[in-house]
Amino acid sequence: MEDHLEFIEPNQKILDKLLSEFTEATGLATILVDTQGIELTPGYGFSPFCQLMRNNEDTRKLCQHCDMFGGRSSIKNKQTTPYVCHAGLVDFSYPVTIDNQLIGFILCGQTRIEVAHPFQEIINEKTDWKNDPLFVEVYESMPLTTPEKIKAGSELLTIIINYYLADIMNTSLKANVESATNLPNFTQTEPSIKKVKPTQPKTSLEIVRNIERFEQRLPQIERPEISTAIKYINDHLNEVITLDEVADYVHLSGYYFSKLFKKEVGITFIDYINEKKISRAMILLQDSTWSIDSIAHSLGYSQSSYFSKLFKKTTKMSPRDYRQIIQKEKEAFRV
């Protein structure tokens, strides 16, 4: 895939337009991922349930594993094969190739089906989310679909990729090869964000990646008490979390826990919680049905003005401005 990364960028608008319009036509969520299940484009039509799943470090990895194995299944079976993901939703995917080189998979679905269906689980791991009131609430708000709609969507995706996308991508590929003498090597950098200043990100996907780097910079945690504390924090982001509460949970005094947390993580307890909550808020803001007030309250902030202040401190823009960027991107892809 790395040899063809330079052809993803010039075809980005084609891919984004296809994904967004497929979602509008079918009501099914879509995203392009690489051969390891890592996201290459923004997600379209993602429900708040799936946004929350992908905003959690552990469950996001399971999502990516499902995307990867679902794509491999479609290659093995030589057709789109609907499957059940780790969270109990039904997905399907189809491989995307350029010049006979596999670059990734278009993932679709993320649907809730409660009638009997023939679809099998794609991985053995399962996520138990039914004790989390926020997950339960957003899951129950998801519309129900049918196995017939999933099969029809998968057939439509196959037709679009085989008879539309392949033509455009291969034509663009040839044009790029003929016009370039030395193609740039993107294997050591991230092509979609290399020209973006950290203080003024240009797209929603780039902003999310900037936030994700925060966790990638975290040092290896050595103390088990801090690892346990971090897991507790990540599992209770929809609540008000206090230092004393978490310190009690790991059986340490508040003073000692605060010092140890900063030493192990590299930032203060409060800063870590705020970074995590803002990261989740950025996912929720992609769904326009969630008001800024409701997002703030769902993350344990009693005052949306305080939430907005923290959001702007982290992302260099207000929640409203961030949401407008997302809307403009979607409108641009429809042009």
Foldseek 3Di string as FASTA:
>chain_A
DQVCPLLCVVCVLVVLLVQQVLCVVQVKKKFWAFLQQHGPHDIHNDFLLVLLLCLFPVSVNQNSNLQNLLAVVCVVVVFWAWAAGQAGWIKTWYFADEPNHTGTIMIIGRADEDDDDDHYYRDDHHDDCVVPVVSVVRVVVGDHDYPVSRVVSRVVVVCCRVPPVRVVSHVSVVVVVVVDDDRDRCPVDDVVPPPPDQLDGQALVNLLVSLVVLVVPWDDADDPLLVVLVVVLSSPQQADDDLCVSCVVSVHHSVVSQVSNCVRGVDGPVVVSLSSLLSSLSSVLLDVVQDLCNSCNSRHHPDSVVNQVSNCVSRVDGSVVNSVRSVVVSVVSND
